[in-house]
């Protein structure tokens, strides 16, 4: 019986140590991943922004063209605003 108890105790210690190490590694890895995600978040936002603003840019250019066609804008004003919208 003492041998069996010693075996059970040893197994409990090994299992407890393995669990503690596994939890520590998991927390450390999760922390590392969250830092990487935070570092990448601004890059993803800037990459996603042109896809969203593409429709807005097109609408602005349509409105600008209509203002020019209606005679509200001169050619110079049209060209300057178009460059501003396109970021040129």
PDB file of N, CA and C in Angstrom:
ATOM      1  N   UNK A   1       0.797  -1.197   0.000  1.00  0.00           N
ATOM      2  CA  UNK A   1       0.000   0.000   0.000  1.00  0.00           C
ATOM      3  C   UNK A   1       0.846   1.271   0.000  1.00  0.00           C
ATOM      4  N   UNK A   2       1.938   1.365   0.741  1.00  0.00           N
ATOM      5  CA  UNK A   2       2.741   2.577   0.700  1.00  0.00           C
ATOM      6  C   UNK A   2       3.306   2.852  -0.696  1.00  0.00           C
ATOM      7  N   UNK A   3       3.643   1.813  -1.434  1.00  0.00           N
ATOM      8  CA  UNK A   3       4.157   1.999  -2.800  1.00  0.00           C
ATOM      9  C   UNK A   3       3.089   2.590  -3.707  1.00  0.00           C
ATOM     10  N   UNK A   4       1.863   2.147  -3.555  1.00  0.00           N
ATOM     11  CA  UNK A   4       0.756   2.660  -4.352  1.00  0.00           C
ATOM     12  C   UNK A   4       0.493   4.123  -4.018  1.00  0.00           C
ATOM     13  N   UNK A   5       0.528   4.472  -2.748  1.00  0.00           N
ATOM     14  CA  UNK A   5       0.304   5.845  -2.330  1.00  0.00           C
ATOM     15  C   UNK A   5       1.401   6.768  -2.863  1.00  0.00           C
ATOM     16  N   UNK A   6       2.658   6.271  -2.814  1.00  0.00           N
ATOM     17  CA  UNK A   6       3.771   7.048  -3.334  1.00  0.00           C
ATOM     18  C   UNK A   6       3.591   7.270  -4.840  1.00  0.00           C
ATOM     19  N   UNK A   7       3.137   6.285  -5.570  1.00  0.00           N
ATOM     20  CA  UNK A   7       2.913   6.400  -7.018  1.00  0.00           C
ATOM     21  C   UNK A   7       1.815   7.402  -7.339  1.00  0.00           C
ATOM     22  N   UNK A   8       0.743   7.356  -6.550  1.00  0.00           N
ATOM     23  CA  UNK A   8      -0.360   8.291  -6.760  1.00  0.00           C
ATOM     24  C   UNK A   8       0.107   9.712  -6.452  1.00  0.00           C
ATOM     25  N   UNK A   9       0.874   9.887  -5.394  1.00  0.00           N
ATOM     26  CA  UNK A   9       1.377  11.207  -5.015  1.00  0.00           C
ATOM     27  C   UNK A   9       2.313  11.746  -6.091  1.00  0.00           C
ATOM     28  N   UNK A  10       3.185  10.908  -6.605  1.00  0.00           N
ATOM     29  CA  UNK A  10       4.113  11.325  -7.647  1.00  0.00           C
ATOM     30  C   UNK A  10       3.344  11.733  -8.908  1.00  0.00           C
ATOM     31  N   UNK A  11       2.338  10.977  -9.260  1.00  0.00           N
ATOM     32  CA  UNK A  11       1.520  11.293 -10.429  1.00  0.00           C
ATOM     33  C   UNK A  11       0.814  12.631 -10.239  1.00  0.00           C
ATOM     34  N   UNK A  12       0.313  12.883  -9.038  1.00  0.00           N
ATOM     35  CA  UNK A  12      -0.374  14.140  -8.755  1.00  0.00           C
ATOM     36  C   UNK A  12       0.587  15.321  -8.873  1.00  0.00           C
ATOM     37  N   UNK A  13       1.801  15.156  -8.376  1.00  0.00           N
ATOM     38  CA  UNK A  13       2.792  16.233  -8.454  1.00  0.00           C
ATOM     39  C   UNK A  13       3.166  16.499  -9.905  1.00  0.00           C
ATOM     40  N   UNK A  14       3.398  15.456 -10.673  1.00  0.00           N
ATOM     41  CA  UNK A  14       3.764  15.616 -12.085  1.00  0.00           C
ATOM     42  C   UNK A  14       2.618  16.268 -12.851  1.00  0.00           C
ATOM     43  N   UNK A  15       1.411  15.820 -12.619  1.00  0.00           N
ATOM     44  CA  UNK A  15       0.257  16.386 -13.314  1.00  0.00           C
ATOM     45  C   UNK A  15       0.061  17.853 -12.926  1.00  0.00           C
ATOM     46  N   UNK A  16       0.211  18.172 -11.651  1.00  0.00           N
ATOM     47  CA  UNK A  16       0.071  19.556 -11.203  1.00  0.00           C
ATOM     48  C   UNK A  16       1.135  20.457 -11.810  1.00  0.00           C
ATOM     49  N   UNK A  17       2.363  19.967 -11.863  1.00  0.00           N
ATOM     50  CA  UNK A  17       3.453  20.741 -12.464  1.00  0.00           C
ATOM     51  C   UNK A  17       3.203  20.944 -13.946  1.00  0.00           C
ATOM     52  N   UNK A  18       2.786  19.916 -14.626  1.00  0.00           N
ATOM     53  CA  UNK A  18       2.514  20.022 -16.055  1.00  0.00           C
ATOM     54  C   UNK A  18       1.392  21.026 -16.322  1.00  0.00           C
ATOM     55  N   UNK A  19       0.371  21.006 -15.502  1.00  0.00           N
ATOM     56  CA  UNK A  19      -0.739  21.953 -15.656  1.00  0.00           C
ATOM     57  C   UNK A  19      -0.273  23.384 -15.431  1.00  0.00           C
ATOM     58  N   UNK A  20       0.526  23.588 -14.388  1.00  0.00           N
ATOM     59  CA  UNK A  20       1.025  24.928 -14.095  1.00  0.00           C
ATOM     60  C   UNK A  20       1.897  25.454 -15.235  1.00  0.00           C
ATOM     61  N   UNK A  21       2.779  24.618 -15.750  1.00  0.00           N
ATOM     62  CA  UNK A  21       3.653  25.028 -16.854  1.00  0.00           C
ATOM     63  C   UNK A  21       2.824  25.309 -18.097  1.00  0.00           C
ATOM     64  N   UNK A  22       1.872  24.449 -18.378  1.00  0.00           N
ATOM     65  CA  UNK A  22       1.021  24.626 -19.559  1.00  0.00           C
ATOM     66  C   UNK A  22       0.239  25.937 -19.479  1.00  0.00           C
ATOM     67  N   UNK A  23      -0.319  26.240 -18.304  1.00  0.00           N
ATOM     68  CA  UNK A  23      -1.060  27.491 -18.123  1.00  0.00           C
ATOM     69  C   UNK A  23      -0.153  28.706 -18.300  1.00  0.00           C
ATOM     70  N   UNK A  24       1.053  28.629 -17.773  1.00  0.00           N
ATOM     71  CA  UNK A  24       1.983  29.754 -17.893  1.00  0.00           C
ATOM     72  C   UNK A  24       2.360  29.980 -19.352  1.00  0.00           C
ATOM     73  N   UNK A  25       2.631  28.917 -20.075  1.00  0.00           N
ATOM     74  CA  UNK A  25       2.972  29.036 -21.490  1.00  0.00           C
ATOM     75  C   UNK A  25       1.789  29.601 -22.272  1.00  0.00           C
ATOM     76  N   UNK A  26       0.593  29.146 -21.956  1.00  0.00           N
ATOM     77  CA  UNK A  26      -0.600  29.650 -22.638  1.00  0.00           C
ATOM     78  C   UNK A  26      -0.794  31.146 -22.400  1.00  0.00           C
ATOM     79  N   UNK A  27      -0.640  31.588 -21.152  1.00  0.00           N
ATOM     80  CA  UNK A  27      -0.781  33.016 -20.851  1.00  0.00           C
ATOM     81  C   UNK A  27       0.289  33.841 -21.558  1.00  0.00           C
ATOM     82  N   UNK A  28       1.516  33.329 -21.562  1.00  0.00           N
ATOM     83  CA  UNK A  28       2.615  34.052 -22.210  1.00  0.00           C
ATOM     84  C   UNK A  28       2.365  34.155 -23.720  1.00  0.00           C
ATOM     85  N   UNK A  29       1.910  33.078 -24.323  1.00  0.00           N
ATOM     86  CA  UNK A  29       1.630  33.078 -25.763  1.00  0.00           C
ATOM     87  C   UNK A  29       0.455  34.000 -26.077  1.00  0.00           C
ATOM     88  N   UNK A  30      -0.577  33.990 -25.264  1.00  0.00           N
ATOM     89  CA  UNK A  30      -1.730  34.866 -25.483  1.00  0.00           C
ATOM     90  C   UNK A  30      -1.313  36.330 -25.382  1.00  0.00           C
ATOM     91  N   UNK A  31      -0.449  36.627 -24.429  1.00  0.00           N
ATOM     92  CA  UNK A  31       0.054  37.994 -24.290  1.00  0.00           C
ATOM     93  C   UNK A  31       0.848  38.406 -25.522  1.00  0.00           C
ATOM     94  N   UNK A  32       1.670  37.524 -25.998  1.00  0.00           N
ATOM     95  CA  UNK A  32       2.475  37.804 -27.198  1.00  0.00           C
ATOM     96  C   UNK A  32       1.580  38.032 -28.405  1.00  0.00           C
ATOM     97  N   UNK A  33       0.557  37.205 -28.563  1.00  0.00           N
ATOM     98  CA  UNK A  33      -0.357  37.348 -29.703  1.00  0.00           C
ATOM     99  C   UNK A  33      -1.135  38.656 -29.623  1.00  0.00           C
ATOM    100  N   UNK A  34      -1.565  39.036 -28.426  1.00  0.00           N
ATOM    101  CA  UNK A  34      -2.321  40.282 -28.306  1.00  0.00           C
ATOM    102  C   UNK A  34      -1.441  41.488 -28.633  1.00  0.00           C
ATOM    103  N   UNK A  35      -0.175  41.438 -28.251  1.00  0.00           N
ATOM    104  CA  UNK A  35       0.744  42.523 -28.601  1.00  0.00           C
ATOM    105  C   UNK A  35       0.946  42.590 -30.115  1.00  0.00           C
ATOM    106  N   UNK A  36       1.063  41.437 -30.758  1.00  0.00           N
ATOM    107  CA  UNK A  36       1.222  41.404 -32.213  1.00  0.00           C
ATOM    108  C   UNK A  36      -0.035  41.926 -32.910  1.00  0.00           C
ATOM    109  N   UNK A  37      -1.203  41.574 -32.391  1.00  0.00           N
ATOM    110  CA  UNK A  37      -2.461  42.050 -32.975  1.00  0.00           C
ATOM    111  C   UNK A  37      -2.581  43.564 -32.840  1.00  0.00           C
ATOM    112  N   UNK A  38      -2.175  44.095 -31.699  1.00  0.00           N
ATOM    113  CA  UNK A  38      -2.236  45.541 -31.497  1.00  0.00           C
ATOM    114  C   UNK A  38      -1.274  46.260 -32.434  1.00  0.00           C
ATOM    115  N   UNK A  39      -0.133  45.648 -32.689  1.00  0.00           N
ATOM    116  CA  UNK A  39       0.841  46.256 -33.595  1.00  0.00           C
ATOM    117  C   UNK A  39       0.341  46.212 -35.035  1.00  0.00           C
ATOM    118  N   UNK A  40      -0.407  45.171 -35.392  1.00  0.00           N
ATOM    119  CA  UNK A  40      -0.892  45.014 -36.756  1.00  0.00           C
ATOM    120  C   UNK A  40      -2.204  45.748 -36.984  1.00  0.00           C
ATOM    121  N   UNK A  41      -2.927  46.073 -35.946  1.00  0.00           N
ATOM    122  CA  UNK A  41      -4.236  46.695 -36.091  1.00  0.00           C
ATOM    123  C   UNK A  41      -4.187  47.991 -36.889  1.00  0.00           C
ATOM    124  N   UNK A  42      -3.264  48.925 -36.621  1.00  0.00           N
ATOM    125  CA  UNK A  42      -3.238  50.146 -37.439  1.00  0.00           C
ATOM    126  C   UNK A  42      -2.958  49.858 -38.908  1.00  0.00           C
ATOM    127  N   UNK A  43      -2.104  48.890 -39.183  1.00  0.00           N
ATOM    128  CA  UNK A  43      -1.798  48.548 -40.572  1.00  0.00           C
ATOM    129  C   UNK A  43      -3.029  47.989 -41.270  1.00  0.00           C
ATOM    130  N   UNK A  44      -3.805  47.177 -40.577  1.00  0.00           N
ATOM    131  CA  UNK A  44      -5.018  46.622 -41.172  1.00  0.00           C
ATOM    132  C   UNK A  44      -6.063  47.700 -41.392  1.00  0.00           C
ATOM    133  N   UNK A  45      -6.153  48.650 -40.473  1.00  0.00           N
ATOM    134  CA  UNK A  45      -7.123  49.729 -40.619  1.00  0.00           C
ATOM    135  C   UNK A  45      -6.801  50.584 -41.832  1.00  0.00           C
ATOM    136  N   UNK A  46      -5.535  50.883 -42.053  1.00  0.00           N
ATOM    137  CA  UNK A  46      -5.171  51.690 -43.212  1.00  0.00           C
ATOM    138  C   UNK A  46      -5.358  50.902 -44.493  1.00  0.00           C
ATOM    139  N   UNK A  47      -5.179  49.604 -44.435  1.00  0.00           N
ATOM    140  CA  UNK A  47      -5.394  48.788 -45.627  1.00  0.00           C
ATOM    141  C   UNK A  47      -6.884  48.675 -45.942  1.00  0.00           C
ATOM    142  N   UNK A  48      -7.726  48.640 -44.921  1.00  0.00           N
ATOM    143  CA  UNK A  48      -9.163  48.533 -45.133  1.00  0.00           C
ATOM    144  C   UNK A  48      -9.782  49.866 -45.536  1.00  0.00           C
ATOM    145  N   UNK A  49      -9.171  50.958 -45.164  1.00  0.00           N
ATOM    146  CA  UNK A  49      -9.733  52.280 -45.441  1.00  0.00           C
ATOM    147  C   UNK A  49      -9.918  52.550 -46.931  1.00  0.00           C
ATOM    148  N   UNK A  50      -8.940  52.254 -47.820  1.00  0.00           N
ATOM    149  CA  UNK A  50      -9.162  52.531 -49.238  1.00  0.00           C
ATOM    150  C   UNK A  50     -10.338  51.759 -49.824  1.00  0.00           C
ATOM    151  N   UNK A  51     -10.593  50.548 -49.368  1.00  0.00           N
ATOM    152  CA  UNK A  51     -11.718  49.780 -49.882  1.00  0.00           C
ATOM    153  C   UNK A  51     -13.043  50.464 -49.520  1.00  0.00           C
ATOM    154  N   UNK A  52     -13.120  51.045 -48.351  1.00  0.00           N
ATOM    155  CA  UNK A  52     -14.333  51.721 -47.929  1.00  0.00           C
ATOM    156  C   UNK A  52     -14.479  53.074 -48.606  1.00  0.00           C
ATOM    157  N   UNK A  53     -13.388  53.781 -48.793  1.00  0.00           N
ATOM    158  CA  UNK A  53     -13.454  55.119 -49.349  1.00  0.00           C
ATOM    159  C   UNK A  53     -13.499  55.116 -50.866  1.00  0.00           C
ATOM    160  N   UNK A  54     -13.309  53.968 -51.486  1.00  0.00           N
ATOM    161  CA  UNK A  54     -13.358  53.893 -52.941  1.00  0.00           C
ATOM    162  C   UNK A  54     -14.728  54.326 -53.454  1.00  0.00           C
ATOM    163  N   UNK A  55     -15.788  53.856 -52.808  1.00  0.00           N
ATOM    164  CA  UNK A  55     -17.143  54.267 -53.187  1.00  0.00           C
ATOM    165  C   UNK A  55     -17.354  55.753 -52.927  1.00  0.00           C
ATOM    166  N   UNK A  56     -16.838  56.220 -51.773  1.00  0.00           N
ATOM    167  CA  UNK A  56     -16.969  57.637 -51.447  1.00  0.00           C
ATOM    168  C   UNK A  56     -16.226  58.499 -52.464  1.00  0.00           C
ATOM    169  N   UNK A  57     -15.051  58.063 -52.853  1.00  0.00           N
ATOM    170  CA  UNK A  57     -14.254  58.807 -53.838  1.00  0.00           C
ATOM    171  C   UNK A  57     -14.998  58.884 -55.155  1.00  0.00           C
ATOM    172  N   UNK A  58     -15.560  57.777 -55.584  1.00  0.00           N
ATOM    173  CA  UNK A  58     -16.307  57.757 -56.836  1.00  0.00           C
ATOM    174  C   UNK A  58     -17.502  58.708 -56.778  1.00  0.00           C
ATOM    175  N   UNK A  59     -18.223  58.687 -55.652  1.00  0.00           N
ATOM    176  CA  UNK A  59     -19.379  59.577 -55.501  1.00  0.00           C
ATOM    177  C   UNK A  59     -18.959  61.042 -55.509  1.00  0.00           C
ATOM    178  N   UNK A  60     -17.845  61.341 -54.838  1.00  0.00           N
ATOM    179  CA  UNK A  60     -17.358  62.715 -54.816  1.00  0.00           C
ATOM    180  C   UNK A  60     -16.961  63.171 -56.218  1.00  0.00           C
ATOM    181  N   UNK A  61     -16.309  62.284 -56.970  1.00  0.00           N
ATOM    182  CA  UNK A  61     -15.918  62.646 -58.332  1.00  0.00           C
ATOM    183  C   UNK A  61     -17.139  62.841 -59.227  1.00  0.00           C
ATOM    184  N   UNK A  62     -18.171  62.023 -59.033  1.00  0.00           N
ATOM    185  CA  UNK A  62     -19.411  62.206 -59.807  1.00  0.00           C
ATOM    186  C   UNK A  62     -20.039  63.561 -59.502  1.00  0.00           C
ATOM    187  N   UNK A  63     -20.106  63.898 -58.212  1.00  0.00           N
ATOM    188  CA  UNK A  63     -20.682  65.185 -57.822  1.00  0.00           C
ATOM    189  C   UNK A  63     -19.848  66.338 -58.366  1.00  0.00           C
ATOM    190  N   UNK A  64     -18.533  66.178 -58.325  1.00  0.00           N
ATOM    191  CA  UNK A  64     -17.643  67.204 -58.836  1.00  0.00           C
ATOM    192  C   UNK A  64     -17.850  67.401 -60.336  1.00  0.00           C
ATOM    193  N   UNK A  65     -17.962  66.291 -61.065  1.00  0.00           N
ATOM    194  CA  UNK A  65     -18.216  66.369 -62.504  1.00  0.00           C
ATOM    195  C   UNK A  65     -19.543  67.037 -62.817  1.00  0.00           C
ATOM    196  N   UNK A  66     -20.543  66.762 -62.003  1.00  0.00           N
ATOM    197  CA  UNK A  66     -21.855  67.384 -62.204  1.00  0.00           C
ATOM    198  C   UNK A  66     -21.786  68.889 -61.952  1.00  0.00           C
ATOM    199  N   UNK A  67     -21.056  69.304 -60.925  1.00  0.00           N
ATOM    200  CA  UNK A  67     -20.896  70.730 -60.648  1.00  0.00           C
ATOM    201  C   UNK A  67     -20.184  71.434 -61.806  1.00  0.00           C
ATOM    202  N   UNK A  68     -19.209  70.750 -62.391  1.00  0.00           N
ATOM    203  CA  UNK A  68     -18.498  71.332 -63.532  1.00  0.00           C
ATOM    204  C   UNK A  68     -19.427  71.401 -64.736  1.00  0.00           C
ATOM    205  N   UNK A  69     -20.185  70.343 -64.968  1.00  0.00           N
ATOM    206  CA  UNK A  69     -21.118  70.313 -66.102  1.00  0.00           C
ATOM    207  C   UNK A  69     -22.203  71.374 -65.951  1.00  0.00           C
ATOM    208  N   UNK A  70     -22.612  71.667 -64.735  1.00  0.00           N
ATOM    209  CA  UNK A  70     -23.628  72.698 -64.490  1.00  0.00           C
ATOM    210  C   UNK A  70     -23.051  74.104 -64.577  1.00  0.00           C
ATOM    211  N   UNK A  71     -21.733  74.213 -64.717  1.00  0.00           N
ATOM    212  CA  UNK A  71     -21.106  75.520 -64.832  1.00  0.00           C
ATOM    213  C   UNK A  71     -20.809  76.171 -63.502  1.00  0.00           C
ATOM    214  N   UNK A  72     -20.944  75.442 -62.423  1.00  0.00           N
ATOM    215  CA  UNK A  72     -20.689  75.997 -61.092  1.00  0.00           C
ATOM    216  C   UNK A  72     -19.188  76.088 -60.830  1.00  0.00           C
ATOM    217  N   UNK A  73     -18.429  75.094 -61.326  1.00  0.00           N
ATOM    218  CA  UNK A  73     -16.978  75.062 -61.131  1.00  0.00           C
ATOM    219  C   UNK A  73     -16.268  75.390 -62.433  1.00  0.00           C
ATOM    220  N   UNK A  74     -15.156  76.082 -62.320  1.00  0.00           N
ATOM    221  CA  UNK A  74     -14.313  76.324 -63.490  1.00  0.00           C
ATOM    222  C   UNK A  74     -13.416  75.107 -63.700  1.00  0.00           C
ATOM    223  N   UNK A  75     -12.734  75.059 -64.813  1.00  0.00           N
ATOM    224  CA  UNK A  75     -11.821  73.952 -65.105  1.00  0.00           C
ATOM    225  C   UNK A  75     -10.707  73.876 -64.061  1.00  0.00           C
ATOM    226  N   UNK A  76     -10.205  75.027 -63.642  1.00  0.00           N
ATOM    227  CA  UNK A  76      -9.125  75.057 -62.641  1.00  0.00           C
ATOM    228  C   UNK A  76      -9.613  74.545 -61.286  1.00  0.00           C
ATOM    229  N   UNK A  77     -10.799  74.985 -60.882  1.00  0.00           N
ATOM    230  CA  UNK A  77     -11.361  74.532 -59.618  1.00  0.00           C
ATOM    231  C   UNK A  77     -11.624  73.029 -59.660  1.00  0.00           C
ATOM    232  N   UNK A  78     -12.144  72.573 -60.802  1.00  0.00           N
ATOM    233  CA  UNK A  78     -12.429  71.150 -60.985  1.00  0.00           C
ATOM    234  C   UNK A  78     -11.146  70.328 -60.861  1.00  0.00           C
ATOM    235  N   UNK A  79     -10.092  70.757 -61.557  1.00  0.00           N
ATOM    236  CA  UNK A  79      -8.826  70.023 -61.543  1.00  0.00           C
ATOM    237  C   UNK A  79      -8.215  70.012 -60.143  1.00  0.00           C
ATOM    238  N   UNK A  80      -8.248  71.161 -59.468  1.00  0.00           N
ATOM    239  CA  UNK A  80      -7.673  71.233 -58.123  1.00  0.00           C
ATOM    240  C   UNK A  80      -8.419  70.314 -57.151  1.00  0.00           C
ATOM    241  N   UNK A  81      -9.736  70.342 -57.193  1.00  0.00           N
ATOM    242  CA  UNK A  81     -10.532  69.514 -56.277  1.00  0.00           C
ATOM    243  C   UNK A  81     -10.373  68.029 -56.619  1.00  0.00           C
ATOM    244  N   UNK A  82     -10.287  67.710 -57.902  1.00  0.00           N
ATOM    245  CA  UNK A  82     -10.107  66.314 -58.318  1.00  0.00           C
ATOM    246  C   UNK A  82      -8.780  65.780 -57.785  1.00  0.00           C
ATOM    247  N   UNK A  83      -7.730  66.580 -57.892  1.00  0.00           N
ATOM    248  CA  UNK A  83      -6.424  66.159 -57.353  1.00  0.00           C
ATOM    249  C   UNK A  83      -6.499  65.968 -55.842  1.00  0.00           C
ATOM    250  N   UNK A  84      -7.240  66.836 -55.161  1.00  0.00           N
ATOM    251  CA  UNK A  84      -7.378  66.721 -53.716  1.00  0.00           C
ATOM    252  C   UNK A  84      -8.114  65.428 -53.347  1.00  0.00           C
ATOM    253  N   UNK A  85      -9.174  65.130 -54.068  1.00  0.00           N
ATOM    254  CA  UNK A  85      -9.956  63.923 -53.784  1.00  0.00           C
ATOM    255  C   UNK A  85      -9.132  62.666 -54.050  1.00  0.00           C
ATOM    256  N   UNK A  86      -8.384  62.663 -55.138  1.00  0.00           N
ATOM    257  CA  UNK A  86      -7.583  61.496 -55.511  1.00  0.00           C
ATOM    258  C   UNK A  86      -6.271  61.420 -54.748  1.00  0.00           C
ATOM    259  N   UNK A  87      -5.943  62.467 -54.003  1.00  0.00           N
ATOM    260  CA  UNK A  87      -4.716  62.453 -53.216  1.00  0.00           C
ATOM    261  C   UNK A  87      -3.478  62.627 -54.051  1.00  0.00           C
ATOM    262  N   UNK A  88      -3.597  63.334 -55.148  1.00  0.00           N
ATOM    263  CA  UNK A  88      -2.440  63.554 -56.030  1.00  0.00           C
ATOM    264  C   UNK A  88      -1.736  64.840 -55.721  1.00  0.00           C
TER     265      UNK A  88
END
